[in-house]
PDB file of N, CA and C in Angstrom:
ATOM      1  N   MET A   1     -13.421 -23.292   2.578  1.00  0.00           N
ATOM      2  CA  MET A   1     -14.399 -22.629   1.805  1.00  0.00           C
ATOM      3  C   MET A   1     -13.997 -21.030   2.050  1.00  0.00           C
ATOM      4  N   THR A   2     -14.045 -20.295   1.212  1.00  0.00           N
ATOM      5  CA  THR A   2     -13.576 -18.890   1.012  1.00  0.00           C
ATOM      6  C   THR A   2     -14.864 -18.236   1.508  1.00  0.00           C
ATOM      7  N   ARG A   3     -14.337 -17.164   2.260  1.00  0.00           N
ATOM      8  CA  ARG A   3     -15.216 -16.210   3.163  1.00  0.00           C
ATOM      9  C   ARG A   3     -15.224 -14.926   2.126  1.00  0.00           C
ATOM     10  N   ILE A   4     -16.239 -14.280   1.613  1.00  0.00           N
ATOM     11  CA  ILE A   4     -16.409 -13.129   1.138  1.00  0.00           C
ATOM     12  C   ILE A   4     -16.436 -11.861   2.044  1.00  0.00           C
ATOM     13  N   PRO A   5     -15.561 -11.051   1.834  1.00  0.00           N
ATOM     14  CA  PRO A   5     -15.570  -9.846   3.102  1.00  0.00           C
ATOM     15  C   PRO A   5     -16.890  -9.236   2.805  1.00  0.00           C
ATOM     16  N   PRO A   6     -17.551  -8.676   4.013  1.00  0.00           N
ATOM     17  CA  PRO A   6     -19.048  -7.996   3.681  1.00  0.00           C
ATOM     18  C   PRO A   6     -19.177  -6.912   2.862  1.00  0.00           C
ATOM     19  N   ALA A   7     -18.058  -6.399   2.830  1.00  0.00           N
ATOM     20  CA  ALA A   7     -17.954  -4.983   1.738  1.00  0.00           C
ATOM     21  C   ALA A   7     -18.134  -5.342   0.089  1.00  0.00           C
ATOM     22  N   LEU A   8     -17.413  -6.503   0.113  1.00  0.00           N
ATOM     23  CA  LEU A   8     -17.570  -6.820  -1.537  1.00  0.00           C
ATOM     24  C   LEU A   8     -19.016  -7.614  -1.745  1.00  0.00           C
ATOM     25  N   ALA A   9     -19.361  -8.266  -0.456  1.00  0.00           N
ATOM     26  CA  ALA A   9     -20.628  -8.833  -0.556  1.00  0.00           C
ATOM     27  C   ALA A   9     -21.693  -7.832  -0.850  1.00  0.00           C
ATOM     28  N   THR A  10     -21.715  -7.073  -0.296  1.00  0.00           N
ATOM     29  CA  THR A  10     -22.556  -5.629  -0.392  1.00  0.00           C
ATOM     30  C   THR A  10     -22.835  -5.036  -1.504  1.00  0.00           C
ATOM     31  N   GLU A  11     -21.316  -5.031  -2.109  1.00  0.00           N
ATOM     32  CA  GLU A  11     -20.999  -4.361  -3.605  1.00  0.00           C
ATOM     33  C   GLU A  11     -21.852  -5.136  -4.726  1.00  0.00           C
ATOM     34  N   ARG A  12     -21.734  -6.348  -4.459  1.00  0.00           N
ATOM     35  CA  ARG A  12     -22.028  -7.376  -5.377  1.00  0.00           C
ATOM     36  C   ARG A  12     -23.609  -7.437  -5.630  1.00  0.00           C
ATOM     37  N   LEU A  13     -24.117  -7.504  -4.155  1.00  0.00           N
ATOM     38  CA  LEU A  13     -25.674  -7.279  -4.088  1.00  0.00           C
ATOM     39  C   LEU A  13     -26.226  -6.068  -4.806  1.00  0.00           C
ATOM     40  N   GLU A  14     -25.788  -5.095  -4.750  1.00  0.00           N
ATOM     41  CA  GLU A  14     -25.893  -3.754  -5.093  1.00  0.00           C
ATOM     42  C   GLU A  14     -26.010  -3.812  -6.678  1.00  0.00           C
ATOM     43  N   ALA A  15     -24.997  -4.492  -7.117  1.00  0.00           N
ATOM     44  CA  ALA A  15     -24.958  -4.358  -8.367  1.00  0.00           C
ATOM     45  C   ALA A  15     -25.925  -5.436  -8.763  1.00  0.00           C
ATOM     46  N   ALA A  16     -26.429  -6.677  -8.301  1.00  0.00           N
ATOM     47  CA  ALA A  16     -27.679  -7.625  -8.480  1.00  0.00           C
ATOM     48  C   ALA A  16     -28.828  -6.661  -8.311  1.00  0.00           C
ATOM     49  N   VAL A  17     -29.068  -5.865  -7.498  1.00  0.00           N
ATOM     50  CA  VAL A  17     -30.148  -5.038  -7.329  1.00  0.00           C
ATOM     51  C   VAL A  17     -30.318  -4.006  -8.716  1.00  0.00           C
ATOM     52  N   HIS A  18     -29.384  -3.529  -8.884  1.00  0.00           N
ATOM     53  CA  HIS A  18     -29.336  -2.404 -10.307  1.00  0.00           C
ATOM     54  C   HIS A  18     -29.686  -3.451 -11.331  1.00  0.00           C
ATOM     55  N   ALA A  19     -29.001  -4.334 -11.683  1.00  0.00           N
ATOM     56  CA  ALA A  19     -29.156  -5.316 -12.738  1.00  0.00           C
ATOM     57  C   ALA A  19     -30.644  -5.736 -12.858  1.00  0.00           C
ATOM     58  N   ALA A  20     -31.335  -6.026 -11.685  1.00  0.00           N
ATOM     59  CA  ALA A  20     -32.821  -6.441 -11.674  1.00  0.00           C
ATOM     60  C   ALA A  20     -33.599  -5.053 -12.057  1.00  0.00           C
ATOM     61  N   ARG A  21     -33.406  -4.193 -11.834  1.00  0.00           N
ATOM     62  CA  ARG A  21     -33.972  -2.877 -12.070  1.00  0.00           C
ATOM     63  C   ARG A  21     -33.953  -2.567 -13.837  1.00  0.00           C
ATOM     64  N   ARG A  22     -32.761  -2.843 -13.996  1.00  0.00           N
ATOM     65  CA  ARG A  22     -32.633  -2.630 -15.771  1.00  0.00           C
ATOM     66  C   ARG A  22     -33.563  -3.768 -16.317  1.00  0.00           C
ATOM     67  N   THR A  23     -33.534  -4.801 -16.081  1.00  0.00           N
ATOM     68  CA  THR A  23     -34.077  -5.818 -16.390  1.00  0.00           C
ATOM     69  C   THR A  23     -35.763  -5.449 -16.329  1.00  0.00           C
ATOM     70  N   ILE A  24     -36.336  -4.968 -15.249  1.00  0.00           N
ATOM     71  CA  ILE A  24     -37.432  -4.673 -15.291  1.00  0.00           C
ATOM     72  C   ILE A  24     -38.083  -3.507 -16.323  1.00  0.00           C
ATOM     73  N   ARG A  25     -36.889  -2.818 -16.380  1.00  0.00           N
ATOM     74  CA  ARG A  25     -37.134  -1.552 -17.386  1.00  0.00           C
ATOM     75  C   ARG A  25     -37.222  -2.123 -18.986  1.00  0.00           C
ATOM     76  N   ARG A  26     -36.379  -3.241 -19.011  1.00  0.00           N
ATOM     77  CA  ARG A  26     -36.515  -3.787 -20.570  1.00  0.00           C
ATOM     78  C   ARG A  26     -37.563  -4.391 -20.517  1.00  0.00           C
ATOM     79  N   ALA A  27     -37.812  -5.286 -19.663  1.00  0.00           N
ATOM     80  CA  ALA A  27     -39.158  -5.889 -19.898  1.00  0.00           C
ATOM     81  C   ALA A  27     -40.360  -5.063 -19.799  1.00  0.00           C
ATOM     82  N   ALA A  28     -40.472  -4.015 -19.377  1.00  0.00           N
ATOM     83  CA  ALA A  28     -41.733  -3.048 -19.257  1.00  0.00           C
ATOM     84  C   ALA A  28     -41.691  -2.694 -20.770  1.00  0.00           C
ATOM     85  N   LEU A  29     -40.346  -2.277 -21.299  1.00  0.00           N
ATOM     86  CA  LEU A  29     -40.647  -1.762 -22.647  1.00  0.00           C
ATOM     87  C   LEU A  29     -40.894  -2.672 -23.437  1.00  0.00           C
ATOM     88  N   ALA A  30     -40.627  -3.791 -23.248  1.00  0.00           N
ATOM     89  CA  ALA A  30     -41.073  -5.013 -24.636  1.00  0.00           C
ATOM     90  C   ALA A  30     -42.572  -5.329 -24.219  1.00  0.00           C
ATOM     91  N   VAL A  31     -43.068  -4.938 -23.129  1.00  0.00           N
ATOM     92  CA  VAL A  31     -44.750  -4.921 -23.313  1.00  0.00           C
ATOM     93  C   VAL A  31     -45.119  -4.068 -23.750  1.00  0.00           C
ATOM     94  N   ASP A  32     -44.642  -2.650 -23.408  1.00  0.00           N
ATOM     95  CA  ASP A  32     -45.231  -1.431 -24.535  1.00  0.00           C
ATOM     96  C   ASP A  32     -45.217  -1.810 -26.088  1.00  0.00           C
ATOM     97  N   THR A  33     -43.964  -2.378 -26.279  1.00  0.00           N
ATOM     98  CA  THR A  33     -43.961  -2.691 -27.590  1.00  0.00           C
ATOM     99  C   THR A  33     -44.848  -3.690 -28.357  1.00  0.00           C
ATOM    100  N   ALA A  34     -44.897  -4.703 -27.500  1.00  0.00           N
ATOM    101  CA  ALA A  34     -45.995  -5.907 -27.982  1.00  0.00           C
ATOM    102  C   ALA A  34     -47.483  -5.754 -27.970  1.00  0.00           C
ATOM    103  N   VAL A  35     -47.635  -4.528 -26.984  1.00  0.00           N
ATOM    104  CA  VAL A  35     -49.175  -4.140 -27.142  1.00  0.00           C
ATOM    105  C   VAL A  35     -49.693  -3.658 -28.369  1.00  0.00           C
ATOM    106  N   PHE A  36     -48.489  -2.951 -28.986  1.00  0.00           N
ATOM    107  CA  PHE A  36     -48.922  -2.329 -30.097  1.00  0.00           C
ATOM    108  C   PHE A  36     -48.263  -2.954 -31.417  1.00  0.00           C
ATOM    109  N   THR A  37     -48.041  -4.234 -31.482  1.00  0.00           N
ATOM    110  CA  THR A  37     -47.334  -5.032 -32.382  1.00  0.00           C
ATOM    111  C   THR A  37     -48.529  -5.908 -32.602  1.00  0.00           C
ATOM    112  N   PRO A  38     -49.102  -6.285 -33.673  1.00  0.00           N
ATOM    113  CA  PRO A  38     -50.307  -6.922 -33.906  1.00  0.00           C
ATOM    114  C   PRO A  38     -49.390  -8.461 -34.010  1.00  0.00           C
ATOM    115  N   GLY A  39     -50.233  -9.284 -33.334  1.00  0.00           N
ATOM    116  CA  GLY A  39     -49.882 -10.568 -33.104  1.00  0.00           C
ATOM    117  C   GLY A  39     -48.747 -10.894 -32.122  1.00  0.00           C
ATOM    118  N   ALA A  40     -48.161 -10.148 -31.411  1.00  0.00           N
ATOM    119  CA  ALA A  40     -47.216 -10.107 -30.420  1.00  0.00           C
ATOM    120  C   ALA A  40     -47.906 -10.802 -29.104  1.00  0.00           C
ATOM    121  N   ASP A  41     -46.982 -11.574 -28.416  1.00  0.00           N
ATOM    122  CA  ASP A  41     -47.474 -12.006 -26.756  1.00  0.00           C
ATOM    123  C   ASP A  41     -47.368 -11.261 -25.881  1.00  0.00           C
ATOM    124  N   TRP A  42     -48.246 -10.246 -25.842  1.00  0.00           N
ATOM    125  CA  TRP A  42     -47.796  -9.162 -24.759  1.00  0.00           C
ATOM    126  C   TRP A  42     -48.103  -9.765 -23.345  1.00  0.00           C
ATOM    127  N   GLN A  43     -48.660 -10.908 -23.262  1.00  0.00           N
ATOM    128  CA  GLN A  43     -49.357 -11.714 -22.202  1.00  0.00           C
ATOM    129  C   GLN A  43     -47.844 -12.216 -21.535  1.00  0.00           C
ATOM    130  N   ALA A  44     -47.034 -12.749 -22.260  1.00  0.00           N
ATOM    131  CA  ALA A  44     -45.651 -13.523 -21.805  1.00  0.00           C
ATOM    132  C   ALA A  44     -44.959 -12.454 -21.557  1.00  0.00           C
ATOM    133  N   ARG A  45     -44.827 -10.985 -22.064  1.00  0.00           N
ATOM    134  CA  ARG A  45     -44.188 -10.223 -22.002  1.00  0.00           C
ATOM    135  C   ARG A  45     -44.588  -9.697 -20.347  1.00  0.00           C
ATOM    136  N   ILE A  46     -45.698  -9.406 -20.135  1.00  0.00           N
ATOM    137  CA  ILE A  46     -46.280  -9.165 -18.675  1.00  0.00           C
ATOM    138  C   ILE A  46     -45.637 -10.221 -17.701  1.00  0.00           C
ATOM    139  N   GLU A  47     -45.656 -11.427 -18.065  1.00  0.00           N
ATOM    140  CA  GLU A  47     -45.084 -12.503 -17.362  1.00  0.00           C
ATOM    141  C   GLU A  47     -43.700 -12.184 -17.117  1.00  0.00           C
ATOM    142  N   ASP A  48     -42.859 -11.807 -17.811  1.00  0.00           N
ATOM    143  CA  ASP A  48     -41.432 -11.343 -17.670  1.00  0.00           C
ATOM    144  C   ASP A  48     -41.105 -10.353 -16.777  1.00  0.00           C
ATOM    145  N   VAL A  49     -42.295  -9.548 -16.581  1.00  0.00           N
ATOM    146  CA  VAL A  49     -42.117  -8.301 -15.595  1.00  0.00           C
ATOM    147  C   VAL A  49     -42.400  -8.906 -14.407  1.00  0.00           C
ATOM    148  N   VAL A  50     -43.233  -9.722 -14.102  1.00  0.00           N
ATOM    149  CA  VAL A  50     -43.231 -10.196 -13.140  1.00  0.00           C
ATOM    150  C   VAL A  50     -42.406 -11.059 -12.426  1.00  0.00           C
ATOM    151  N   ARG A  51     -41.915 -11.770 -13.046  1.00  0.00           N
ATOM    152  CA  ARG A  51     -40.672 -12.769 -12.942  1.00  0.00           C
ATOM    153  C   ARG A  51     -39.365 -11.462 -12.626  1.00  0.00           C
ATOM    154  N   ALA A  52     -39.200 -10.636 -13.255  1.00  0.00           N
ATOM    155  CA  ALA A  52     -38.408  -9.843 -12.981  1.00  0.00           C
ATOM    156  C   ALA A  52     -38.353  -8.984 -11.564  1.00  0.00           C
ATOM    157  N   GLY A  53     -39.907  -8.466 -11.424  1.00  0.00           N
ATOM    158  CA  GLY A  53     -40.225  -8.053 -10.155  1.00  0.00           C
ATOM    159  C   GLY A  53     -39.764  -8.802  -8.769  1.00  0.00           C
ATOM    160  N   THR A  54     -39.932 -10.188  -9.127  1.00  0.00           N
ATOM    161  CA  THR A  54     -39.669 -11.106  -8.067  1.00  0.00           C
ATOM    162  C   THR A  54     -38.140 -11.334  -7.762  1.00  0.00           C
ATOM    163  N   VAL A  55     -37.130 -11.259  -9.046  1.00  0.00           N
ATOM    164  CA  VAL A  55     -35.977 -11.258  -8.734  1.00  0.00           C
ATOM    165  C   VAL A  55     -35.500 -10.158  -7.980  1.00  0.00           C
ATOM    166  N   LEU A  56     -35.987  -8.891  -8.526  1.00  0.00           N
ATOM    167  CA  LEU A  56     -35.623  -7.620  -7.705  1.00  0.00           C
ATOM    168  C   LEU A  56     -35.965  -7.930  -6.255  1.00  0.00           C
ATOM    169  N   GLU A  57     -37.254  -8.014  -5.789  1.00  0.00           N
ATOM    170  CA  GLU A  57     -37.680  -8.164  -4.533  1.00  0.00           C
ATOM    171  C   GLU A  57     -36.535  -8.888  -3.703  1.00  0.00           C
ATOM    172  N   GLN A  58     -36.280 -10.198  -4.281  1.00  0.00           N
ATOM    173  CA  GLN A  58     -35.325 -11.076  -3.645  1.00  0.00           C
ATOM    174  C   GLN A  58     -33.718 -10.467  -3.609  1.00  0.00           C
ATOM    175  N   ALA A  59     -33.489  -9.730  -4.260  1.00  0.00           N
ATOM    176  CA  ALA A  59     -31.956  -9.003  -4.619  1.00  0.00           C
ATOM    177  C   ALA A  59     -32.242  -8.079  -3.573  1.00  0.00           C
ATOM    178  N   GLU A  60     -33.122  -7.265  -3.340  1.00  0.00           N
ATOM    179  CA  GLU A  60     -33.140  -5.900  -2.347  1.00  0.00           C
ATOM    180  C   GLU A  60     -33.328  -6.543  -0.861  1.00  0.00           C
ATOM    181  N   ALA A  61     -33.943  -7.878  -0.509  1.00  0.00           N
ATOM    182  CA  ALA A  61     -33.941  -8.523   0.491  1.00  0.00           C
ATOM    183  C   ALA A  61     -32.646  -9.163   0.900  1.00  0.00           C
ATOM    184  N   GLU A  62     -31.845  -9.853   0.184  1.00  0.00           N
ATOM    185  CA  GLU A  62     -30.438  -9.877   0.472  1.00  0.00           C
ATOM    186  C   GLU A  62     -29.609  -8.898   0.663  1.00  0.00           C
ATOM    187  N   LEU A  63     -29.633  -7.799  -0.298  1.00  0.00           N
ATOM    188  CA  LEU A  63     -29.082  -6.741   0.278  1.00  0.00           C
ATOM    189  C   LEU A  63     -29.168  -6.180   1.691  1.00  0.00           C
ATOM    190  N   ALA A  64     -30.558  -5.984   1.931  1.00  0.00           N
ATOM    191  CA  ALA A  64     -30.984  -5.477   3.399  1.00  0.00           C
ATOM    192  C   ALA A  64     -30.358  -6.487   4.504  1.00  0.00           C
ATOM    193  N   VAL A  65     -30.247  -7.715   4.106  1.00  0.00           N
ATOM    194  CA  VAL A  65     -29.947  -8.580   5.068  1.00  0.00           C
ATOM    195  C   VAL A  65     -28.317  -8.280   5.372  1.00  0.00           C
ATOM    196  N   ALA A  66     -27.573  -8.231   4.223  1.00  0.00           N
ATOM    197  CA  ALA A  66     -26.230  -8.055   4.115  1.00  0.00           C
ATOM    198  C   ALA A  66     -25.728  -6.597   4.810  1.00  0.00           C
ATOM    199  N   GLU A  67     -26.470  -5.546   4.394  1.00  0.00           N
ATOM    200  CA  GLU A  67     -26.416  -4.229   5.020  1.00  0.00           C
ATOM    201  C   GLU A  67     -26.430  -4.477   6.393  1.00  0.00           C
ATOM    202  N   VAL A  68     -27.350  -5.085   7.008  1.00  0.00           N
ATOM    203  CA  VAL A  68     -27.556  -5.243   8.526  1.00  0.00           C
ATOM    204  C   VAL A  68     -26.788  -6.006   9.293  1.00  0.00           C
ATOM    205  N   ALA A  69     -25.855  -7.046   8.556  1.00  0.00           N
ATOM    206  CA  ALA A  69     -24.909  -7.729   8.920  1.00  0.00           C
ATOM    207  C   ALA A  69     -23.524  -7.157   9.064  1.00  0.00           C
ATOM    208  N   ALA A  70     -23.232  -6.086   8.208  1.00  0.00           N
ATOM    209  CA  ALA A  70     -22.053  -5.271   8.000  1.00  0.00           C
ATOM    210  C   ALA A  70     -22.021  -4.402   8.894  1.00  0.00           C
TER     211      ALA A  70
END
């Protein structure tokens, strides 16, 4: 089993947090677009934002654990 150095693990987790934040921004923009588009499924877009928020929370928690361990 290969062990990942703590610094590399932290770097990867930071990248995951940034990616999750970008996903939330894109999902929020999709909500904004859907609200003003007739027939668009804006509720599904809101669910996307909620899912992205959950992913962000998980990534931030994993990053916090890695930073404490390092």
